[in-house]
């Protein structure tokens, strides 16, 4: 299974990926996680990426491509992978196809998790993250239920930043839907449902 997950920020792609990884053992490659790890680690790529992330803007293609290529070469990605948050535009998709071809691999399916923008804004603006362990919860969590750490709202989870991210997504990322539809690889599920319902629809769409 070599899968590309599509959908706006906050559509629930990460949740779908986690469930597929747990059941089928493929590698989950989240560009968000890769970028945050680079920022936290203070790497050269991370320092460059942070200024874009803090403003709710997309990190330049080459930064993301370099991180993804490195991750795809890891041992756990050789039996299959789920790309979550990459490619973000058709230029990246073409580059990805080229890189995979050079590895003797290809994308099997592009899965769109479809959620209305207003639902995403409400969903993300209530999200809180633990400073200590990275646990993701909601505004109802005064402290982290996993480690007792401080819960805070990330800059990119604030309503004004979310709207900016959705506007950027619509302009640059949504054409990917047409790109993968043209290749006959696109499948779509409604992400504004109960978690178990969404996952059931995902497995049906993927023929699993």
C-alpha atoms as a PDB file:
ATOM      1  CA  UNK A   1       0.000   0.000   0.000  1.00  0.00           C
ATOM      2  CA  UNK A   2       1.577   3.255  -1.202  1.00  0.00           C
ATOM      3  CA  UNK A   3      -1.061   5.855  -0.369  1.00  0.00           C
ATOM      4  CA  UNK A   4      -1.346   9.649  -0.633  1.00  0.00           C
ATOM      5  CA  UNK A   5      -3.819  11.217   1.814  1.00  0.00           C
ATOM      6  CA  UNK A   6      -5.490  14.418   0.588  1.00  0.00           C
ATOM      7  CA  UNK A   7      -7.643  16.931   2.439  1.00  0.00           C
ATOM      8  CA  UNK A   8      -7.510  20.365   4.050  1.00  0.00           C
ATOM      9  CA  UNK A   9      -5.570  20.923   7.300  1.00  0.00           C
ATOM     10  CA  UNK A  10      -7.655  19.436  10.109  1.00  0.00           C
ATOM     11  CA  UNK A  11      -9.747  17.177   7.880  1.00  0.00           C
ATOM     12  CA  UNK A  12      -8.666  14.133   9.897  1.00  0.00           C
ATOM     13  CA  UNK A  13      -6.000  12.674   7.616  1.00  0.00           C
ATOM     14  CA  UNK A  14      -3.715  11.947  10.572  1.00  0.00           C
ATOM     15  CA  UNK A  15      -6.385   9.924  12.374  1.00  0.00           C
ATOM     16  CA  UNK A  16      -7.090   7.862   9.262  1.00  0.00           C
ATOM     17  CA  UNK A  17      -3.368   7.255   8.807  1.00  0.00           C
ATOM     18  CA  UNK A  18      -2.891   6.123  12.416  1.00  0.00           C
ATOM     19  CA  UNK A  19      -5.678   3.560  12.078  1.00  0.00           C
ATOM     20  CA  UNK A  20      -4.297   2.207   8.795  1.00  0.00           C
ATOM     21  CA  UNK A  21      -0.803   1.965  10.313  1.00  0.00           C
ATOM     22  CA  UNK A  22      -2.138   0.127  13.380  1.00  0.00           C
ATOM     23  CA  UNK A  23      -4.023  -2.410  11.255  1.00  0.00           C
ATOM     24  CA  UNK A  24      -1.692  -2.866   8.284  1.00  0.00           C
ATOM     25  CA  UNK A  25       1.770  -1.909   9.569  1.00  0.00           C
ATOM     26  CA  UNK A  26       2.755   0.556   6.839  1.00  0.00           C
ATOM     27  CA  UNK A  27       4.857   3.661   7.521  1.00  0.00           C
ATOM     28  CA  UNK A  28       3.005   6.905   8.279  1.00  0.00           C
ATOM     29  CA  UNK A  29       4.932   9.838   6.800  1.00  0.00           C
ATOM     30  CA  UNK A  30       3.448  13.122   8.015  1.00  0.00           C
ATOM     31  CA  UNK A  31       5.152  16.216   6.686  1.00  0.00           C
ATOM     32  CA  UNK A  32       3.735  18.121   9.658  1.00  0.00           C
ATOM     33  CA  UNK A  33       5.497  15.738  12.052  1.00  0.00           C
ATOM     34  CA  UNK A  34       8.702  15.835   9.999  1.00  0.00           C
ATOM     35  CA  UNK A  35       8.694  19.633   9.994  1.00  0.00           C
ATOM     36  CA  UNK A  36       7.878  19.961  13.709  1.00  0.00           C
ATOM     37  CA  UNK A  37      10.667  17.505  14.554  1.00  0.00           C
ATOM     38  CA  UNK A  38      13.085  19.536  12.442  1.00  0.00           C
ATOM     39  CA  UNK A  39      11.957  22.760  14.167  1.00  0.00           C
ATOM     40  CA  UNK A  40      12.231  21.226  17.645  1.00  0.00           C
ATOM     41  CA  UNK A  41      15.642  19.787  16.808  1.00  0.00           C
ATOM     42  CA  UNK A  42      16.849  23.177  15.602  1.00  0.00           C
ATOM     43  CA  UNK A  43      18.131  21.754  12.322  1.00  0.00           C
ATOM     44  CA  UNK A  44      18.933  24.066   9.428  1.00  0.00           C
ATOM     45  CA  UNK A  45      15.764  22.966   7.623  1.00  0.00           C
ATOM     46  CA  UNK A  46      13.781  23.404  10.829  1.00  0.00           C
ATOM     47  CA  UNK A  47      14.946  26.974  11.383  1.00  0.00           C
ATOM     48  CA  UNK A  48      14.012  27.881   7.816  1.00  0.00           C
ATOM     49  CA  UNK A  49      10.631  26.158   8.100  1.00  0.00           C
ATOM     50  CA  UNK A  50       9.610  27.750  11.423  1.00  0.00           C
ATOM     51  CA  UNK A  51       9.104  31.260  10.057  1.00  0.00           C
ATOM     52  CA  UNK A  52       6.660  29.941   7.440  1.00  0.00           C
ATOM     53  CA  UNK A  53       4.808  27.672   9.888  1.00  0.00           C
ATOM     54  CA  UNK A  54       4.381  30.426  12.488  1.00  0.00           C
ATOM     55  CA  UNK A  55       2.738  32.641   9.861  1.00  0.00           C
ATOM     56  CA  UNK A  56       0.432  29.844   8.692  1.00  0.00           C
ATOM     57  CA  UNK A  57       2.141  29.791   5.301  1.00  0.00           C
ATOM     58  CA  UNK A  58       3.255  26.743   3.351  1.00  0.00           C
ATOM     59  CA  UNK A  59       6.894  25.732   3.705  1.00  0.00           C
ATOM     60  CA  UNK A  60       8.716  25.971   0.314  1.00  0.00           C
ATOM     61  CA  UNK A  61       8.660  22.857  -1.852  1.00  0.00           C
ATOM     62  CA  UNK A  62      12.362  22.060  -1.740  1.00  0.00           C
ATOM     63  CA  UNK A  63      12.488  22.007   2.076  1.00  0.00           C
ATOM     64  CA  UNK A  64       9.622  19.529   2.236  1.00  0.00           C
ATOM     65  CA  UNK A  65      10.896  17.384  -0.637  1.00  0.00           C
ATOM     66  CA  UNK A  66      14.303  16.997   1.031  1.00  0.00           C
ATOM     67  CA  UNK A  67      12.673  15.809   4.269  1.00  0.00           C
ATOM     68  CA  UNK A  68      10.301  13.392   2.498  1.00  0.00           C
ATOM     69  CA  UNK A  69      13.001  11.839   0.305  1.00  0.00           C
ATOM     70  CA  UNK A  70      15.088  11.104   3.392  1.00  0.00           C
ATOM     71  CA  UNK A  71      12.087   9.554   5.147  1.00  0.00           C
ATOM     72  CA  UNK A  72      11.100   7.368   2.167  1.00  0.00           C
ATOM     73  CA  UNK A  73      14.568   5.798   2.237  1.00  0.00           C
ATOM     74  CA  UNK A  74      14.076   4.531   5.818  1.00  0.00           C
ATOM     75  CA  UNK A  75      13.688   0.786   6.374  1.00  0.00           C
ATOM     76  CA  UNK A  76      10.100   0.937   7.676  1.00  0.00           C
ATOM     77  CA  UNK A  77       8.888   2.643   4.480  1.00  0.00           C
ATOM     78  CA  UNK A  78      10.031  -0.137   2.191  1.00  0.00           C
ATOM     79  CA  UNK A  79       6.936  -2.318   2.735  1.00  0.00           C
ATOM     80  CA  UNK A  80       4.495   0.503   2.064  1.00  0.00           C
ATOM     81  CA  UNK A  81       3.790   4.066   3.158  1.00  0.00           C
ATOM     82  CA  UNK A  82       1.065   6.620   3.751  1.00  0.00           C
ATOM     83  CA  UNK A  83       1.991  10.184   2.784  1.00  0.00           C
ATOM     84  CA  UNK A  84       0.045  12.648   4.967  1.00  0.00           C
ATOM     85  CA  UNK A  85       0.397  16.292   3.910  1.00  0.00           C
ATOM     86  CA  UNK A  86       2.588  15.645   0.870  1.00  0.00           C
ATOM     87  CA  UNK A  87       2.427  16.324  -2.018  1.00  0.00           C
ATOM     88  CA  UNK A  88       0.744  19.712  -1.471  1.00  0.00           C
ATOM     89  CA  UNK A  89       0.636  20.834  -5.096  1.00  0.00           C
ATOM     90  CA  UNK A  90       0.898  19.368  -8.581  1.00  0.00           C
ATOM     91  CA  UNK A  91       4.565  20.317  -8.927  1.00  0.00           C
ATOM     92  CA  UNK A  92       5.359  18.242  -5.830  1.00  0.00           C
ATOM     93  CA  UNK A  93       3.174  15.407  -7.128  1.00  0.00           C
ATOM     94  CA  UNK A  94       5.125  15.278 -10.383  1.00  0.00           C
ATOM     95  CA  UNK A  95       8.417  15.322  -8.453  1.00  0.00           C
ATOM     96  CA  UNK A  96       7.147  12.584  -6.144  1.00  0.00           C
ATOM     97  CA  UNK A  97       6.158  10.397  -9.097  1.00  0.00           C
ATOM     98  CA  UNK A  98       9.641  10.885 -10.541  1.00  0.00           C
ATOM     99  CA  UNK A  99      11.412  10.086  -7.258  1.00  0.00           C
ATOM    100  CA  UNK A 100       9.277   6.992  -6.681  1.00  0.00           C
ATOM    101  CA  UNK A 101       9.837   5.797 -10.241  1.00  0.00           C
ATOM    102  CA  UNK A 102      13.581   6.022  -9.666  1.00  0.00           C
ATOM    103  CA  UNK A 103      13.048   3.785  -6.614  1.00  0.00           C
ATOM    104  CA  UNK A 104      10.944   1.337  -8.646  1.00  0.00           C
ATOM    105  CA  UNK A 105       7.801   2.313  -6.750  1.00  0.00           C
ATOM    106  CA  UNK A 106       4.532   4.125  -7.454  1.00  0.00           C
ATOM    107  CA  UNK A 107       1.418   5.550  -5.785  1.00  0.00           C
ATOM    108  CA  UNK A 108      -1.436   3.019  -5.543  1.00  0.00           C
ATOM    109  CA  UNK A 109      -4.193   5.419  -4.468  1.00  0.00           C
ATOM    110  CA  UNK A 110      -4.878   9.066  -3.554  1.00  0.00           C
ATOM    111  CA  UNK A 111      -7.541   9.236  -0.824  1.00  0.00           C
ATOM    112  CA  UNK A 112      -9.417  12.512  -0.248  1.00  0.00           C
ATOM    113  CA  UNK A 113     -10.843  13.096   3.250  1.00  0.00           C
ATOM    114  CA  UNK A 114     -13.468  15.744   2.497  1.00  0.00           C
ATOM    115  CA  UNK A 115     -14.640  18.187   5.226  1.00  0.00           C
ATOM    116  CA  UNK A 116     -16.302  21.632   4.938  1.00  0.00           C
ATOM    117  CA  UNK A 117     -14.071  24.635   5.870  1.00  0.00           C
ATOM    118  CA  UNK A 118     -16.323  25.880   8.709  1.00  0.00           C
ATOM    119  CA  UNK A 119     -16.185  22.451  10.359  1.00  0.00           C
ATOM    120  CA  UNK A 120     -12.389  22.472  10.164  1.00  0.00           C
ATOM    121  CA  UNK A 121     -12.083  25.944  11.736  1.00  0.00           C
ATOM    122  CA  UNK A 122     -14.216  24.877  14.711  1.00  0.00           C
ATOM    123  CA  UNK A 123     -12.356  21.588  15.013  1.00  0.00           C
ATOM    124  CA  UNK A 124      -8.816  22.971  14.907  1.00  0.00           C
ATOM    125  CA  UNK A 125      -9.336  26.089  17.011  1.00  0.00           C
ATOM    126  CA  UNK A 126     -10.393  23.878  19.936  1.00  0.00           C
ATOM    127  CA  UNK A 127      -7.252  21.721  19.647  1.00  0.00           C
ATOM    128  CA  UNK A 128      -4.595  21.873  22.375  1.00  0.00           C
ATOM    129  CA  UNK A 129      -1.130  20.265  22.454  1.00  0.00           C
ATOM    130  CA  UNK A 130       0.992  19.138  25.414  1.00  0.00           C
ATOM    131  CA  UNK A 131       4.308  21.000  25.687  1.00  0.00           C
ATOM    132  CA  UNK A 132       5.948  18.015  27.343  1.00  0.00           C
ATOM    133  CA  UNK A 133       4.904  14.930  25.346  1.00  0.00           C
ATOM    134  CA  UNK A 134       3.135  16.316  22.260  1.00  0.00           C
ATOM    135  CA  UNK A 135      -0.252  14.752  23.104  1.00  0.00           C
ATOM    136  CA  UNK A 136      -3.109  16.358  21.146  1.00  0.00           C
ATOM    137  CA  UNK A 137      -6.293  17.094  23.088  1.00  0.00           C
ATOM    138  CA  UNK A 138      -9.004  19.769  23.262  1.00  0.00           C
ATOM    139  CA  UNK A 139      -9.669  23.011  25.119  1.00  0.00           C
ATOM    140  CA  UNK A 140     -11.411  20.890  27.763  1.00  0.00           C
ATOM    141  CA  UNK A 141      -8.037  19.418  28.793  1.00  0.00           C
ATOM    142  CA  UNK A 142      -6.645  21.693  31.521  1.00  0.00           C
ATOM    143  CA  UNK A 143      -3.570  19.479  31.768  1.00  0.00           C
ATOM    144  CA  UNK A 144      -2.282  16.617  29.638  1.00  0.00           C
ATOM    145  CA  UNK A 145      -4.174  13.388  30.451  1.00  0.00           C
ATOM    146  CA  UNK A 146      -1.078  11.379  29.502  1.00  0.00           C
ATOM    147  CA  UNK A 147       1.723  13.094  31.429  1.00  0.00           C
ATOM    148  CA  UNK A 148       0.158  15.993  33.344  1.00  0.00           C
ATOM    149  CA  UNK A 149       2.050  18.544  31.264  1.00  0.00           C
ATOM    150  CA  UNK A 150       0.877  21.997  30.214  1.00  0.00           C
ATOM    151  CA  UNK A 151      -1.610  22.134  27.356  1.00  0.00           C
ATOM    152  CA  UNK A 152      -1.309  25.076  24.950  1.00  0.00           C
ATOM    153  CA  UNK A 153      -2.720  26.302  21.637  1.00  0.00           C
ATOM    154  CA  UNK A 154      -0.191  26.129  18.811  1.00  0.00           C
ATOM    155  CA  UNK A 155       0.113  29.248  16.656  1.00  0.00           C
ATOM    156  CA  UNK A 156      -1.157  27.329  13.635  1.00  0.00           C
ATOM    157  CA  UNK A 157      -4.297  26.256  15.553  1.00  0.00           C
ATOM    158  CA  UNK A 158      -5.528  29.830  16.091  1.00  0.00           C
ATOM    159  CA  UNK A 159      -8.656  30.762  14.044  1.00  0.00           C
ATOM    160  CA  UNK A 160      -7.028  33.515  11.985  1.00  0.00           C
ATOM    161  CA  UNK A 161      -4.101  31.253  11.086  1.00  0.00           C
ATOM    162  CA  UNK A 162      -6.426  28.354  10.260  1.00  0.00           C
ATOM    163  CA  UNK A 163      -8.385  30.507   7.806  1.00  0.00           C
ATOM    164  CA  UNK A 164      -5.146  31.545   6.141  1.00  0.00           C
ATOM    165  CA  UNK A 165      -4.059  27.899   5.902  1.00  0.00           C
ATOM    166  CA  UNK A 166      -7.390  26.925   4.325  1.00  0.00           C
ATOM    167  CA  UNK A 167      -7.143  29.766   1.785  1.00  0.00           C
ATOM    168  CA  UNK A 168      -3.622  28.670   0.857  1.00  0.00           C
ATOM    169  CA  UNK A 169      -4.778  25.043   0.634  1.00  0.00           C
ATOM    170  CA  UNK A 170      -7.636  25.915  -1.704  1.00  0.00           C
ATOM    171  CA  UNK A 171      -5.337  27.781  -4.091  1.00  0.00           C
ATOM    172  CA  UNK A 172      -2.353  25.446  -4.215  1.00  0.00           C
ATOM    173  CA  UNK A 173      -3.347  22.010  -2.934  1.00  0.00           C
ATOM    174  CA  UNK A 174      -6.880  21.358  -4.152  1.00  0.00           C
ATOM    175  CA  UNK A 175      -5.711  21.020  -7.817  1.00  0.00           C
ATOM    176  CA  UNK A 176      -4.133  17.741  -6.652  1.00  0.00           C
ATOM    177  CA  UNK A 177      -7.630  16.275  -6.628  1.00  0.00           C
ATOM    178  CA  UNK A 178      -7.835  16.855 -10.376  1.00  0.00           C
ATOM    179  CA  UNK A 179      -4.275  15.585 -10.876  1.00  0.00           C
ATOM    180  CA  UNK A 180      -4.925  12.229  -9.213  1.00  0.00           C
ATOM    181  CA  UNK A 181      -8.422  11.950 -10.686  1.00  0.00           C
ATOM    182  CA  UNK A 182      -6.789  12.274 -14.099  1.00  0.00           C
ATOM    183  CA  UNK A 183      -4.510   9.358 -13.221  1.00  0.00           C
ATOM    184  CA  UNK A 184      -7.470   7.253 -12.136  1.00  0.00           C
ATOM    185  CA  UNK A 185      -6.096   7.035  -8.585  1.00  0.00           C
ATOM    186  CA  UNK A 186      -8.559   9.242  -6.649  1.00  0.00           C
ATOM    187  CA  UNK A 187     -10.956   7.928  -3.993  1.00  0.00           C
ATOM    188  CA  UNK A 188     -13.039  10.166  -1.681  1.00  0.00           C
ATOM    189  CA  UNK A 189     -14.674   9.776   1.760  1.00  0.00           C
ATOM    190  CA  UNK A 190     -16.781  12.153   3.898  1.00  0.00           C
ATOM    191  CA  UNK A 191     -14.584  13.143   6.864  1.00  0.00           C
ATOM    192  CA  UNK A 192     -17.394  14.876   8.805  1.00  0.00           C
ATOM    193  CA  UNK A 193     -18.666  11.678  10.439  1.00  0.00           C
ATOM    194  CA  UNK A 194     -17.902   9.599  13.509  1.00  0.00           C
ATOM    195  CA  UNK A 195     -14.320   8.337  13.539  1.00  0.00           C
ATOM    196  CA  UNK A 196     -15.276   4.679  13.138  1.00  0.00           C
ATOM    197  CA  UNK A 197     -17.643   5.506  10.261  1.00  0.00           C
ATOM    198  CA  UNK A 198     -14.927   7.416   8.419  1.00  0.00           C
ATOM    199  CA  UNK A 199     -12.465   4.554   8.846  1.00  0.00           C
ATOM    200  CA  UNK A 200     -15.037   2.033   7.612  1.00  0.00           C
ATOM    201  CA  UNK A 201     -15.586   4.175   4.517  1.00  0.00           C
ATOM    202  CA  UNK A 202     -11.815   4.437   4.019  1.00  0.00           C
ATOM    203  CA  UNK A 203     -11.347   0.664   4.082  1.00  0.00           C
ATOM    204  CA  UNK A 204     -14.250   0.200   1.662  1.00  0.00           C
ATOM    205  CA  UNK A 205     -12.804   2.838  -0.701  1.00  0.00           C
ATOM    206  CA  UNK A 206      -9.405   1.153  -0.605  1.00  0.00           C
ATOM    207  CA  UNK A 207     -10.856  -2.334  -1.026  1.00  0.00           C
ATOM    208  CA  UNK A 208      -9.403  -3.536   2.279  1.00  0.00           C
END
